[in-house]
């Protein structure tokens, strides 16, 4: 059975959380979850909404939950749980943000929050 691909009309960002263990699942599901960056149970990640990302979410739908965050939710998640991929340090220090993202025009924590909430060209 093939489902039609529905693109959200006004949303450009989704937040995805891995909710189920992936032991014993197909290789396609496991590799899709890894591509999304959900290597651990209850890990969440922001994903830009594209036809490809929607197809990926439909593939792993039984194992994840996802929704469309607003600016307030993005700010809260970044301030409480945000960590850098480079080092797992909390994203509270503007010097770390400027050091790694300054070349993209992201210098402050608020710049980062805005770039995530409203995905720009450097998302």
PDB file of N, CA and C in Angstrom:
ATOM      1  N   UNK A   1       0.848  -1.175   0.000  1.00  0.00           N
ATOM      2  CA  UNK A   1       0.000   0.000   0.000  1.00  0.00           C
ATOM      3  C   UNK A   1       0.897   1.241   0.000  1.00  0.00           C
ATOM      4  N   UNK A   2       0.683   2.134  -0.922  1.00  0.00           N
ATOM      5  CA  UNK A   2       1.499   3.334  -1.047  1.00  0.00           C
ATOM      6  C   UNK A   2       0.718   4.542  -0.556  1.00  0.00           C
ATOM      7  N   UNK A   3       1.353   5.316   0.312  1.00  0.00           N
ATOM      8  CA  UNK A   3       0.698   6.520   0.825  1.00  0.00           C
ATOM      9  C   UNK A   3       1.153   7.717   0.013  1.00  0.00           C
ATOM     10  N   UNK A   4       0.250   8.664  -0.158  1.00  0.00           N
ATOM     11  CA  UNK A   4       0.601   9.886  -0.877  1.00  0.00           C
ATOM     12  C   UNK A   4       1.522  10.729  -0.010  1.00  0.00           C
ATOM     13  N   UNK A   5       2.462  11.377  -0.652  1.00  0.00           N
ATOM     14  CA  UNK A   5       3.412  12.228   0.051  1.00  0.00           C
ATOM     15  C   UNK A   5       2.776  13.586   0.278  1.00  0.00           C
ATOM     16  N   UNK A   6       2.517  13.914   1.531  1.00  0.00           N
ATOM     17  CA  UNK A   6       1.911  15.200   1.871  1.00  0.00           C
ATOM     18  C   UNK A   6       2.972  16.124   2.434  1.00  0.00           C
ATOM     19  N   UNK A   7       3.166  17.246   1.764  1.00  0.00           N
ATOM     20  CA  UNK A   7       4.114  18.257   2.237  1.00  0.00           C
ATOM     21  C   UNK A   7       3.352  19.276   3.073  1.00  0.00           C
ATOM     22  N   UNK A   8       3.827  19.570   4.280  1.00  0.00           N
ATOM     23  CA  UNK A   8       3.191  20.608   5.079  1.00  0.00           C
ATOM     24  C   UNK A   8       3.278  21.940   4.345  1.00  0.00           C
ATOM     25  N   UNK A   9       2.166  22.673   4.298  1.00  0.00           N
ATOM     26  CA  UNK A   9       2.137  23.889   3.498  1.00  0.00           C
ATOM     27  C   UNK A   9       2.851  25.069   4.139  1.00  0.00           C
ATOM     28  N   UNK A  10       2.775  25.240   5.431  1.00  0.00           N
ATOM     29  CA  UNK A  10       3.364  26.435   6.043  1.00  0.00           C
ATOM     30  C   UNK A  10       4.537  26.144   6.974  1.00  0.00           C
ATOM     31  N   UNK A  11       4.860  24.890   7.166  1.00  0.00           N
ATOM     32  CA  UNK A  11       5.938  24.535   8.086  1.00  0.00           C
ATOM     33  C   UNK A  11       7.222  24.232   7.319  1.00  0.00           C
ATOM     34  N   UNK A  12       8.332  24.729   7.834  1.00  0.00           N
ATOM     35  CA  UNK A  12       9.620  24.464   7.193  1.00  0.00           C
ATOM     36  C   UNK A  12      10.564  23.699   8.118  1.00  0.00           C
ATOM     37  N   UNK A  13      10.108  23.405   9.338  1.00  0.00           N
ATOM     38  CA  UNK A  13      10.956  22.753  10.325  1.00  0.00           C
ATOM     39  C   UNK A  13      10.141  21.743  11.110  1.00  0.00           C
ATOM     40  N   UNK A  14      10.771  20.619  11.414  1.00  0.00           N
ATOM     41  CA  UNK A  14      10.142  19.630  12.277  1.00  0.00           C
ATOM     42  C   UNK A  14      11.151  19.201  13.342  1.00  0.00           C
ATOM     43  N   UNK A  15      10.633  18.760  14.479  1.00  0.00           N
ATOM     44  CA  UNK A  15      11.475  18.226  15.545  1.00  0.00           C
ATOM     45  C   UNK A  15      11.120  16.756  15.679  1.00  0.00           C
ATOM     46  N   UNK A  16      12.125  15.886  15.597  1.00  0.00           N
ATOM     47  CA  UNK A  16      11.925  14.437  15.580  1.00  0.00           C
ATOM     48  C   UNK A  16      12.590  13.829  16.805  1.00  0.00           C
ATOM     49  N   UNK A  17      11.878  12.914  17.474  1.00  0.00           N
ATOM     50  CA  UNK A  17      12.410  12.217  18.649  1.00  0.00           C
ATOM     51  C   UNK A  17      12.276  10.715  18.428  1.00  0.00           C
ATOM     52  N   UNK A  18      13.352   9.984  18.679  1.00  0.00           N
ATOM     53  CA  UNK A  18      13.326   8.524  18.605  1.00  0.00           C
ATOM     54  C   UNK A  18      12.636   7.986  19.859  1.00  0.00           C
ATOM     55  N   UNK A  19      11.552   7.229  19.672  1.00  0.00           N
ATOM     56  CA  UNK A  19      10.751   6.775  20.806  1.00  0.00           C
ATOM     57  C   UNK A  19      10.795   5.262  21.032  1.00  0.00           C
ATOM     58  N   UNK A  20      11.341   4.514  20.090  1.00  0.00           N
ATOM     59  CA  UNK A  20      11.373   3.053  20.202  1.00  0.00           C
ATOM     60  C   UNK A  20      12.781   2.539  19.938  1.00  0.00           C
ATOM     61  N   UNK A  21      13.119   1.444  20.576  1.00  0.00           N
ATOM     62  CA  UNK A  21      14.403   0.797  20.296  1.00  0.00           C
ATOM     63  C   UNK A  21      14.366   0.236  18.875  1.00  0.00           C
ATOM     64  N   UNK A  22      15.524   0.215  18.238  1.00  0.00           N
ATOM     65  CA  UNK A  22      15.548  -0.214  16.839  1.00  0.00           C
ATOM     66  C   UNK A  22      16.230  -1.564  16.643  1.00  0.00           C
ATOM     67  N   UNK A  23      16.314  -2.366  17.688  1.00  0.00           N
ATOM     68  CA  UNK A  23      16.873  -3.703  17.542  1.00  0.00           C
ATOM     69  C   UNK A  23      15.896  -4.560  16.747  1.00  0.00           C
ATOM     70  N   UNK A  24      16.429  -5.307  15.788  1.00  0.00           N
ATOM     71  CA  UNK A  24      15.607  -6.238  15.029  1.00  0.00           C
ATOM     72  C   UNK A  24      14.778  -5.613  13.921  1.00  0.00           C
ATOM     73  N   UNK A  25      14.999  -4.354  13.600  1.00  0.00           N
ATOM     74  CA  UNK A  25      14.241  -3.718  12.519  1.00  0.00           C
ATOM     75  C   UNK A  25      14.992  -3.894  11.206  1.00  0.00           C
ATOM     76  N   UNK A  26      14.321  -3.593  10.117  1.00  0.00           N
ATOM     77  CA  UNK A  26      14.949  -3.741   8.801  1.00  0.00           C
ATOM     78  C   UNK A  26      16.137  -2.797   8.657  1.00  0.00           C
ATOM     79  N   UNK A  27      17.017  -3.136   7.745  1.00  0.00           N
ATOM     80  CA  UNK A  27      18.201  -2.320   7.488  1.00  0.00           C
ATOM     81  C   UNK A  27      17.810  -0.927   6.994  1.00  0.00           C
ATOM     82  N   UNK A  28      16.738  -0.832   6.207  1.00  0.00           N
ATOM     83  CA  UNK A  28      16.271   0.462   5.702  1.00  0.00           C
ATOM     84  C   UNK A  28      15.858   1.380   6.850  1.00  0.00           C
ATOM     85  N   UNK A  29      15.089   0.845   7.790  1.00  0.00           N
ATOM     86  CA  UNK A  29      14.646   1.643   8.939  1.00  0.00           C
ATOM     87  C   UNK A  29      15.842   2.050   9.786  1.00  0.00           C
ATOM     88  N   UNK A  30      16.727   1.114  10.063  1.00  0.00           N
ATOM     89  CA  UNK A  30      17.903   1.405  10.894  1.00  0.00           C
ATOM     90  C   UNK A  30      18.789   2.467  10.242  1.00  0.00           C
ATOM     91  N   UNK A  31      19.048   2.347   8.945  1.00  0.00           N
ATOM     92  CA  UNK A  31      19.909   3.324   8.273  1.00  0.00           C
ATOM     93  C   UNK A  31      19.232   4.689   8.182  1.00  0.00           C
ATOM     94  N   UNK A  32      17.921   4.720   8.020  1.00  0.00           N
ATOM     95  CA  UNK A  32      17.198   5.996   7.974  1.00  0.00           C
ATOM     96  C   UNK A  32      17.258   6.697   9.319  1.00  0.00           C
ATOM     97  N   UNK A  33      17.085   5.952  10.392  1.00  0.00           N
ATOM     98  CA  UNK A  33      17.183   6.540  11.730  1.00  0.00           C
ATOM     99  C   UNK A  33      18.592   7.076  11.968  1.00  0.00           C
ATOM    100  N   UNK A  34      19.608   6.363  11.511  1.00  0.00           N
ATOM    101  CA  UNK A  34      20.990   6.831  11.654  1.00  0.00           C
ATOM    102  C   UNK A  34      21.235   8.094  10.822  1.00  0.00           C
ATOM    103  N   UNK A  35      20.684   8.144   9.607  1.00  0.00           N
ATOM    104  CA  UNK A  35      20.828   9.336   8.760  1.00  0.00           C
ATOM    105  C   UNK A  35      20.194  10.557   9.414  1.00  0.00           C
ATOM    106  N   UNK A  36      19.106  10.337  10.123  1.00  0.00           N
ATOM    107  CA  UNK A  36      18.446  11.440  10.826  1.00  0.00           C
ATOM    108  C   UNK A  36      19.242  11.883  12.051  1.00  0.00           C
ATOM    109  N   UNK A  37      20.195  11.081  12.486  1.00  0.00           N
ATOM    110  CA  UNK A  37      21.011  11.442  13.644  1.00  0.00           C
ATOM    111  C   UNK A  37      20.401  11.029  14.969  1.00  0.00           C
ATOM    112  N   UNK A  38      19.491  10.077  14.921  1.00  0.00           N
ATOM    113  CA  UNK A  38      18.808   9.624  16.141  1.00  0.00           C
ATOM    114  C   UNK A  38      19.439   8.327  16.634  1.00  0.00           C
ATOM    115  N   UNK A  39      20.688   8.415  17.061  1.00  0.00           N
ATOM    116  CA  UNK A  39      21.452   7.231  17.434  1.00  0.00           C
ATOM    117  C   UNK A  39      21.078   6.676  18.802  1.00  0.00           C
ATOM    118  N   UNK A  40      20.421   7.468  19.621  1.00  0.00           N
ATOM    119  CA  UNK A  40      20.048   7.027  20.963  1.00  0.00           C
ATOM    120  C   UNK A  40      18.549   7.202  21.177  1.00  0.00           C
ATOM    121  N   UNK A  41      18.014   6.387  22.040  1.00  0.00           N
ATOM    122  CA  UNK A  41      16.613   6.476  22.419  1.00  0.00           C
ATOM    123  C   UNK A  41      16.343   7.816  23.094  1.00  0.00           C
ATOM    124  N   UNK A  42      15.260   8.454  22.753  1.00  0.00           N
ATOM    125  CA  UNK A  42      14.808   9.750  23.282  1.00  0.00           C
ATOM    126  C   UNK A  42      15.700  10.923  22.873  1.00  0.00           C
ATOM    127  N   UNK A  43      16.518  10.757  21.851  1.00  0.00           N
ATOM    128  CA  UNK A  43      17.297  11.867  21.305  1.00  0.00           C
ATOM    129  C   UNK A  43      16.417  12.589  20.291  1.00  0.00           C
ATOM    130  N   UNK A  44      16.496  13.906  20.302  1.00  0.00           N
ATOM    131  CA  UNK A  44      15.717  14.706  19.363  1.00  0.00           C
ATOM    132  C   UNK A  44      16.609  15.516  18.454  1.00  0.00           C
ATOM    133  N   UNK A  45      16.087  15.837  17.276  1.00  0.00           N
ATOM    134  CA  UNK A  45      16.853  16.604  16.303  1.00  0.00           C
ATOM    135  C   UNK A  45      15.898  17.440  15.453  1.00  0.00           C
ATOM    136  N   UNK A  46      16.364  18.627  15.074  1.00  0.00           N
ATOM    137  CA  UNK A  46      15.604  19.475  14.169  1.00  0.00           C
ATOM    138  C   UNK A  46      15.895  19.037  12.740  1.00  0.00           C
ATOM    139  N   UNK A  47      14.849  18.939  11.929  1.00  0.00           N
ATOM    140  CA  UNK A  47      14.991  18.516  10.538  1.00  0.00           C
ATOM    141  C   UNK A  47      14.250  19.516   9.653  1.00  0.00           C
ATOM    142  N   UNK A  48      14.927  19.987   8.613  1.00  0.00           N
ATOM    143  CA  UNK A  48      14.299  20.875   7.635  1.00  0.00           C
ATOM    144  C   UNK A  48      13.309  20.059   6.805  1.00  0.00           C
ATOM    145  N   UNK A  49      12.108  20.581   6.584  1.00  0.00           N
ATOM    146  CA  UNK A  49      11.076  19.866   5.850  1.00  0.00           C
ATOM    147  C   UNK A  49      11.356  19.964   4.348  1.00  0.00           C
ATOM    148  N   UNK A  50      11.631  18.816   3.760  1.00  0.00           N
ATOM    149  CA  UNK A  50      11.826  18.678   2.315  1.00  0.00           C
ATOM    150  C   UNK A  50      11.094  17.407   1.890  1.00  0.00           C
ATOM    151  N   UNK A  51      10.848  17.216   0.604  1.00  0.00           N
ATOM    152  CA  UNK A  51      10.217  15.950   0.190  1.00  0.00           C
ATOM    153  C   UNK A  51      11.012  14.726   0.653  1.00  0.00           C
ATOM    154  N   UNK A  52      12.337  14.808   0.605  1.00  0.00           N
ATOM    155  CA  UNK A  52      13.178  13.692   1.044  1.00  0.00           C
ATOM    156  C   UNK A  52      13.036  13.444   2.547  1.00  0.00           C
ATOM    157  N   UNK A  53      13.038  14.507   3.359  1.00  0.00           N
ATOM    158  CA  UNK A  53      12.927  14.311   4.809  1.00  0.00           C
ATOM    159  C   UNK A  53      11.543  13.782   5.189  1.00  0.00           C
ATOM    160  N   UNK A  54      10.502  14.192   4.477  1.00  0.00           N
ATOM    161  CA  UNK A  54       9.160  13.664   4.757  1.00  0.00           C
ATOM    162  C   UNK A  54       9.108  12.177   4.430  1.00  0.00           C
ATOM    163  N   UNK A  55       9.721  11.759   3.310  1.00  0.00           N
ATOM    164  CA  UNK A  55       9.778  10.330   2.979  1.00  0.00           C
ATOM    165  C   UNK A  55      10.536   9.549   4.059  1.00  0.00           C
ATOM    166  N   UNK A  56      11.625  10.130   4.546  1.00  0.00           N
ATOM    167  CA  UNK A  56      12.394   9.471   5.609  1.00  0.00           C
ATOM    168  C   UNK A  56      11.543   9.317   6.867  1.00  0.00           C
ATOM    169  N   UNK A  57      10.797  10.359   7.221  1.00  0.00           N
ATOM    170  CA  UNK A  57       9.949  10.296   8.413  1.00  0.00           C
ATOM    171  C   UNK A  57       8.844   9.260   8.258  1.00  0.00           C
ATOM    172  N   UNK A  58       8.279   9.139   7.067  1.00  0.00           N
ATOM    173  CA  UNK A  58       7.251   8.126   6.839  1.00  0.00           C
ATOM    174  C   UNK A  58       7.838   6.721   6.940  1.00  0.00           C
ATOM    175  N   UNK A  59       9.096   6.548   6.558  1.00  0.00           N
ATOM    176  CA  UNK A  59       9.765   5.248   6.647  1.00  0.00           C
ATOM    177  C   UNK A  59       9.936   4.810   8.099  1.00  0.00           C
ATOM    178  N   UNK A  60      10.251   5.747   8.972  1.00  0.00           N
ATOM    179  CA  UNK A  60      10.540   5.410  10.374  1.00  0.00           C
ATOM    180  C   UNK A  60       9.400   5.797  11.319  1.00  0.00           C
ATOM    181  N   UNK A  61       8.244   6.083  10.769  1.00  0.00           N
ATOM    182  CA  UNK A  61       7.115   6.578  11.564  1.00  0.00           C
ATOM    183  C   UNK A  61       6.779   5.745  12.805  1.00  0.00           C
ATOM    184  N   UNK A  62       6.817   4.410  12.754  1.00  0.00           N
ATOM    185  CA  UNK A  62       6.495   3.651  13.967  1.00  0.00           C
ATOM    186  C   UNK A  62       7.509   3.812  15.105  1.00  0.00           C
ATOM    187  N   UNK A  63       8.692   4.332  14.810  1.00  0.00           N
ATOM    188  CA  UNK A  63       9.769   4.401  15.798  1.00  0.00           C
ATOM    189  C   UNK A  63      10.066   5.811  16.296  1.00  0.00           C
ATOM    190  N   UNK A  64       9.459   6.810  15.673  1.00  0.00           N
ATOM    191  CA  UNK A  64       9.720   8.200  16.046  1.00  0.00           C
ATOM    192  C   UNK A  64       8.403   8.942  16.238  1.00  0.00           C
ATOM    193  N   UNK A  65       8.511  10.067  16.891  1.00  0.00           N
ATOM    194  CA  UNK A  65       7.395  11.008  16.932  1.00  0.00           C
ATOM    195  C   UNK A  65       7.952  12.341  16.468  1.00  0.00           C
ATOM    196  N   UNK A  66       7.109  13.144  15.829  1.00  0.00           N
ATOM    197  CA  UNK A  66       7.600  14.402  15.292  1.00  0.00           C
ATOM    198  C   UNK A  66       6.474  15.417  15.211  1.00  0.00           C
ATOM    199  N   UNK A  67       6.883  16.663  15.193  1.00  0.00           N
ATOM    200  CA  UNK A  67       5.923  17.757  15.126  1.00  0.00           C
ATOM    201  C   UNK A  67       6.609  19.026  14.651  1.00  0.00           C
ATOM    202  N   UNK A  68       5.831  20.093  14.574  1.00  0.00           N
ATOM    203  CA  UNK A  68       6.313  21.358  14.040  1.00  0.00           C
ATOM    204  C   UNK A  68       6.453  22.374  15.171  1.00  0.00           C
ATOM    205  N   UNK A  69       7.685  22.676  15.585  1.00  0.00           N
ATOM    206  CA  UNK A  69       7.888  23.596  16.708  1.00  0.00           C
ATOM    207  C   UNK A  69       7.745  25.055  16.279  1.00  0.00           C
ATOM    208  N   UNK A  70       7.349  25.892  17.242  1.00  0.00           N
ATOM    209  CA  UNK A  70       7.332  27.334  16.993  1.00  0.00           C
ATOM    210  C   UNK A  70       8.611  27.935  17.585  1.00  0.00           C
ATOM    211  N   UNK A  71       8.774  29.247  17.428  1.00  0.00           N
ATOM    212  CA  UNK A  71       9.990  29.915  17.906  1.00  0.00           C
ATOM    213  C   UNK A  71      10.185  29.715  19.408  1.00  0.00           C
ATOM    214  N   UNK A  72       9.115  29.790  20.161  1.00  0.00           N
ATOM    215  CA  UNK A  72       9.207  29.626  21.623  1.00  0.00           C
ATOM    216  C   UNK A  72       9.704  28.222  21.988  1.00  0.00           C
ATOM    217  N   UNK A  73       9.192  27.215  21.299  1.00  0.00           N
ATOM    218  CA  UNK A  73       9.625  25.835  21.559  1.00  0.00           C
ATOM    219  C   UNK A  73      11.089  25.624  21.193  1.00  0.00           C
ATOM    220  N   UNK A  74      11.492  26.181  20.044  1.00  0.00           N
ATOM    221  CA  UNK A  74      12.890  26.059  19.617  1.00  0.00           C
ATOM    222  C   UNK A  74      13.803  26.708  20.643  1.00  0.00           C
ATOM    223  N   UNK A  75      13.456  27.913  21.081  1.00  0.00           N
ATOM    224  CA  UNK A  75      14.269  28.622  22.076  1.00  0.00           C
ATOM    225  C   UNK A  75      14.374  27.796  23.361  1.00  0.00           C
ATOM    226  N   UNK A  76      13.248  27.272  23.840  1.00  0.00           N
ATOM    227  CA  UNK A  76      13.253  26.471  25.063  1.00  0.00           C
ATOM    228  C   UNK A  76      14.106  25.218  24.942  1.00  0.00           C
ATOM    229  N   UNK A  77      13.990  24.518  23.814  1.00  0.00           N
ATOM    230  CA  UNK A  77      14.786  23.305  23.613  1.00  0.00           C
ATOM    231  C   UNK A  77      16.273  23.607  23.542  1.00  0.00           C
ATOM    232  N   UNK A  78      16.636  24.666  22.824  1.00  0.00           N
ATOM    233  CA  UNK A  78      18.057  25.020  22.698  1.00  0.00           C
ATOM    234  C   UNK A  78      18.621  25.446  24.051  1.00  0.00           C
ATOM    235  N   UNK A  79      17.885  26.265  24.782  1.00  0.00           N
ATOM    236  CA  UNK A  79      18.388  26.756  26.068  1.00  0.00           C
ATOM    237  C   UNK A  79      18.488  25.652  27.113  1.00  0.00           C
ATOM    238  N   UNK A  80      17.540  24.704  27.112  1.00  0.00           N
ATOM    239  CA  UNK A  80      17.541  23.654  28.133  1.00  0.00           C
ATOM    240  C   UNK A  80      18.380  22.440  27.748  1.00  0.00           C
ATOM    241  N   UNK A  81      18.336  22.043  26.474  1.00  0.00           N
ATOM    242  CA  UNK A  81      18.953  20.771  26.076  1.00  0.00           C
ATOM    243  C   UNK A  81      19.947  20.872  24.931  1.00  0.00           C
ATOM    244  N   UNK A  82      20.114  22.050  24.333  1.00  0.00           N
ATOM    245  CA  UNK A  82      20.946  22.192  23.144  1.00  0.00           C
ATOM    246  C   UNK A  82      22.405  21.870  23.389  1.00  0.00           C
ATOM    247  N   UNK A  83      22.978  21.061  22.502  1.00  0.00           N
ATOM    248  CA  UNK A  83      24.397  20.710  22.565  1.00  0.00           C
ATOM    249  C   UNK A  83      24.982  20.780  21.162  1.00  0.00           C
ATOM    250  N   UNK A  84      26.261  21.078  21.093  1.00  0.00           N
ATOM    251  CA  UNK A  84      26.953  21.131  19.810  1.00  0.00           C
ATOM    252  C   UNK A  84      27.337  19.728  19.366  1.00  0.00           C
ATOM    253  N   UNK A  85      27.392  19.512  18.059  1.00  0.00           N
ATOM    254  CA  UNK A  85      27.848  18.222  17.539  1.00  0.00           C
ATOM    255  C   UNK A  85      29.346  18.059  17.720  1.00  0.00           C
ATOM    256  N   UNK A  86      30.077  19.180  17.686  1.00  0.00           N
ATOM    257  CA  UNK A  86      31.530  19.132  17.799  1.00  0.00           C
ATOM    258  C   UNK A  86      31.933  18.597  19.163  1.00  0.00           C
ATOM    259  N   UNK A  87      31.440  19.220  20.194  1.00  0.00           N
ATOM    260  CA  UNK A  87      31.651  18.793  21.576  1.00  0.00           C
ATOM    261  C   UNK A  87      30.279  18.776  22.226  1.00  0.00           C
ATOM    262  N   UNK A  88      30.055  17.852  23.112  1.00  0.00           N
ATOM    263  CA  UNK A  88      28.766  17.827  23.785  1.00  0.00           C
ATOM    264  C   UNK A  88      28.792  18.800  24.953  1.00  0.00           C
ATOM    265  N   UNK A  89      28.889  20.073  24.605  1.00  0.00           N
ATOM    266  CA  UNK A  89      28.855  21.140  25.600  1.00  0.00           C
ATOM    267  C   UNK A  89      27.557  21.907  25.420  1.00  0.00           C
ATOM    268  N   UNK A  90      26.965  22.382  26.496  1.00  0.00           N
ATOM    269  CA  UNK A  90      25.731  23.161  26.372  1.00  0.00           C
ATOM    270  C   UNK A  90      25.953  24.416  25.525  1.00  0.00           C
ATOM    271  N   UNK A  91      24.945  24.763  24.743  1.00  0.00           N
ATOM    272  CA  UNK A  91      25.033  25.939  23.873  1.00  0.00           C
ATOM    273  C   UNK A  91      24.628  27.192  24.639  1.00  0.00           C
ATOM    274  N   UNK A  92      25.468  27.608  25.554  1.00  0.00           N
ATOM    275  CA  UNK A  92      25.174  28.814  26.330  1.00  0.00           C
ATOM    276  C   UNK A  92      26.251  29.868  26.174  1.00  0.00           C
ATOM    277  N   UNK A  93      27.372  29.495  25.600  1.00  0.00           N
ATOM    278  CA  UNK A  93      28.507  30.404  25.475  1.00  0.00           C
ATOM    279  C   UNK A  93      28.598  30.936  24.045  1.00  0.00           C
ATOM    280  N   UNK A  94      28.468  32.252  23.882  1.00  0.00           N
ATOM    281  CA  UNK A  94      28.523  32.855  22.553  1.00  0.00           C
ATOM    282  C   UNK A  94      29.878  32.680  21.881  1.00  0.00           C
ATOM    283  N   UNK A  95      30.953  32.528  22.661  1.00  0.00           N
ATOM    284  CA  UNK A  95      32.274  32.370  22.041  1.00  0.00           C
ATOM    285  C   UNK A  95      32.370  31.049  21.279  1.00  0.00           C
ATOM    286  N   UNK A  96      31.771  29.985  21.807  1.00  0.00           N
ATOM    287  CA  UNK A  96      31.763  28.690  21.119  1.00  0.00           C
ATOM    288  C   UNK A  96      30.957  28.804  19.828  1.00  0.00           C
ATOM    289  N   UNK A  97      29.813  29.470  19.904  1.00  0.00           N
ATOM    290  CA  UNK A  97      28.962  29.641  18.726  1.00  0.00           C
ATOM    291  C   UNK A  97      29.685  30.461  17.668  1.00  0.00           C
ATOM    292  N   UNK A  98      30.298  31.561  18.079  1.00  0.00           N
ATOM    293  CA  UNK A  98      31.003  32.418  17.123  1.00  0.00           C
ATOM    294  C   UNK A  98      32.197  31.692  16.501  1.00  0.00           C
ATOM    295  N   UNK A  99      32.909  30.925  17.304  1.00  0.00           N
ATOM    296  CA  UNK A  99      34.090  30.207  16.815  1.00  0.00           C
ATOM    297  C   UNK A  99      33.740  29.226  15.698  1.00  0.00           C
ATOM    298  N   UNK A 100      32.625  28.502  15.858  1.00  0.00           N
ATOM    299  CA  UNK A 100      32.276  27.456  14.901  1.00  0.00           C
ATOM    300  C   UNK A 100      31.297  27.907  13.823  1.00  0.00           C
ATOM    301  N   UNK A 101      30.479  28.915  14.096  1.00  0.00           N
ATOM    302  CA  UNK A 101      29.454  29.325  13.132  1.00  0.00           C
ATOM    303  C   UNK A 101      29.578  30.772  12.674  1.00  0.00           C
ATOM    304  N   UNK A 102      30.605  31.464  13.130  1.00  0.00           N
ATOM    305  CA  UNK A 102      30.786  32.869  12.778  1.00  0.00           C
ATOM    306  C   UNK A 102      30.900  33.110  11.287  1.00  0.00           C
ATOM    307  N   UNK A 103      31.499  32.172  10.567  1.00  0.00           N
ATOM    308  CA  UNK A 103      31.659  32.347   9.114  1.00  0.00           C
ATOM    309  C   UNK A 103      30.323  32.313   8.373  1.00  0.00           C
ATOM    310  N   UNK A 104      29.272  31.827   9.038  1.00  0.00           N
ATOM    311  CA  UNK A 104      27.939  31.810   8.443  1.00  0.00           C
ATOM    312  C   UNK A 104      27.081  32.978   8.919  1.00  0.00           C
ATOM    313  N   UNK A 105      27.669  33.877   9.693  1.00  0.00           N
ATOM    314  CA  UNK A 105      26.921  35.020  10.207  1.00  0.00           C
ATOM    315  C   UNK A 105      26.155  34.721  11.483  1.00  0.00           C
ATOM    316  N   UNK A 106      26.406  33.559  12.082  1.00  0.00           N
ATOM    317  CA  UNK A 106      25.762  33.177  13.340  1.00  0.00           C
ATOM    318  C   UNK A 106      26.775  33.425  14.448  1.00  0.00           C
ATOM    319  N   UNK A 107      26.541  34.492  15.234  1.00  0.00           N
ATOM    320  CA  UNK A 107      27.517  34.917  16.231  1.00  0.00           C
ATOM    321  C   UNK A 107      26.995  34.728  17.654  1.00  0.00           C
ATOM    322  N   UNK A 108      25.697  34.934  17.838  1.00  0.00           N
ATOM    323  CA  UNK A 108      25.100  34.869  19.171  1.00  0.00           C
ATOM    324  C   UNK A 108      24.122  33.707  19.258  1.00  0.00           C
ATOM    325  N   UNK A 109      23.758  33.346  20.475  1.00  0.00           N
ATOM    326  CA  UNK A 109      22.793  32.282  20.706  1.00  0.00           C
ATOM    327  C   UNK A 109      21.462  32.598  20.033  1.00  0.00           C
ATOM    328  N   UNK A 110      21.023  33.849  20.087  1.00  0.00           N
ATOM    329  CA  UNK A 110      19.765  34.233  19.440  1.00  0.00           C
ATOM    330  C   UNK A 110      19.840  34.072  17.923  1.00  0.00           C
ATOM    331  N   UNK A 111      21.011  34.332  17.330  1.00  0.00           N
ATOM    332  CA  UNK A 111      21.190  34.096  15.888  1.00  0.00           C
ATOM    333  C   UNK A 111      20.994  32.618  15.569  1.00  0.00           C
ATOM    334  N   UNK A 112      21.554  31.763  16.410  1.00  0.00           N
ATOM    335  CA  UNK A 112      21.439  30.320  16.222  1.00  0.00           C
ATOM    336  C   UNK A 112      19.987  29.877  16.342  1.00  0.00           C
ATOM    337  N   UNK A 113      19.299  30.364  17.360  1.00  0.00           N
ATOM    338  CA  UNK A 113      17.892  30.016  17.561  1.00  0.00           C
ATOM    339  C   UNK A 113      17.068  30.445  16.354  1.00  0.00           C
ATOM    340  N   UNK A 114      17.303  31.652  15.850  1.00  0.00           N
ATOM    341  CA  UNK A 114      16.560  32.146  14.689  1.00  0.00           C
ATOM    342  C   UNK A 114      16.878  31.323  13.441  1.00  0.00           C
ATOM    343  N   UNK A 115      18.133  30.951  13.244  1.00  0.00           N
ATOM    344  CA  UNK A 115      18.530  30.148  12.080  1.00  0.00           C
ATOM    345  C   UNK A 115      17.873  28.771  12.117  1.00  0.00           C
ATOM    346  N   UNK A 116      17.684  28.208  13.311  1.00  0.00           N
ATOM    347  CA  UNK A 116      17.028  26.905  13.438  1.00  0.00           C
ATOM    348  C   UNK A 116      15.520  27.044  13.286  1.00  0.00           C
ATOM    349  N   UNK A 117      14.918  28.021  13.950  1.00  0.00           N
ATOM    350  CA  UNK A 117      13.461  28.178  13.921  1.00  0.00           C
ATOM    351  C   UNK A 117      12.946  28.527  12.530  1.00  0.00           C
ATOM    352  N   UNK A 118      13.716  29.312  11.797  1.00  0.00           N
ATOM    353  CA  UNK A 118      13.339  29.710  10.438  1.00  0.00           C
ATOM    354  C   UNK A 118      14.485  29.287   9.519  1.00  0.00           C
ATOM    355  N   UNK A 119      14.507  27.997   9.119  1.00  0.00           N
ATOM    356  CA  UNK A 119      15.672  27.452   8.421  1.00  0.00           C
ATOM    357  C   UNK A 119      16.129  28.316   7.248  1.00  0.00           C
ATOM    358  N   UNK A 120      17.344  28.796   7.379  1.00  0.00           N
ATOM    359  CA  UNK A 120      17.952  29.601   6.330  1.00  0.00           C
ATOM    360  C   UNK A 120      18.845  28.750   5.448  1.00  0.00           C
ATOM    361  N   UNK A 121      19.675  29.422   4.661  1.00  0.00           N
ATOM    362  CA  UNK A 121      20.525  28.688   3.720  1.00  0.00           C
ATOM    363  C   UNK A 121      21.635  27.907   4.412  1.00  0.00           C
ATOM    364  N   UNK A 122      21.950  28.228   5.662  1.00  0.00           N
ATOM    365  CA  UNK A 122      23.019  27.530   6.387  1.00  0.00           C
ATOM    366  C   UNK A 122      22.481  26.556   7.428  1.00  0.00           C
ATOM    367  N   UNK A 123      21.203  26.179   7.357  1.00  0.00           N
ATOM    368  CA  UNK A 123      20.601  25.298   8.364  1.00  0.00           C
ATOM    369  C   UNK A 123      21.294  23.957   8.383  1.00  0.00           C
TER     370      UNK A 123
END
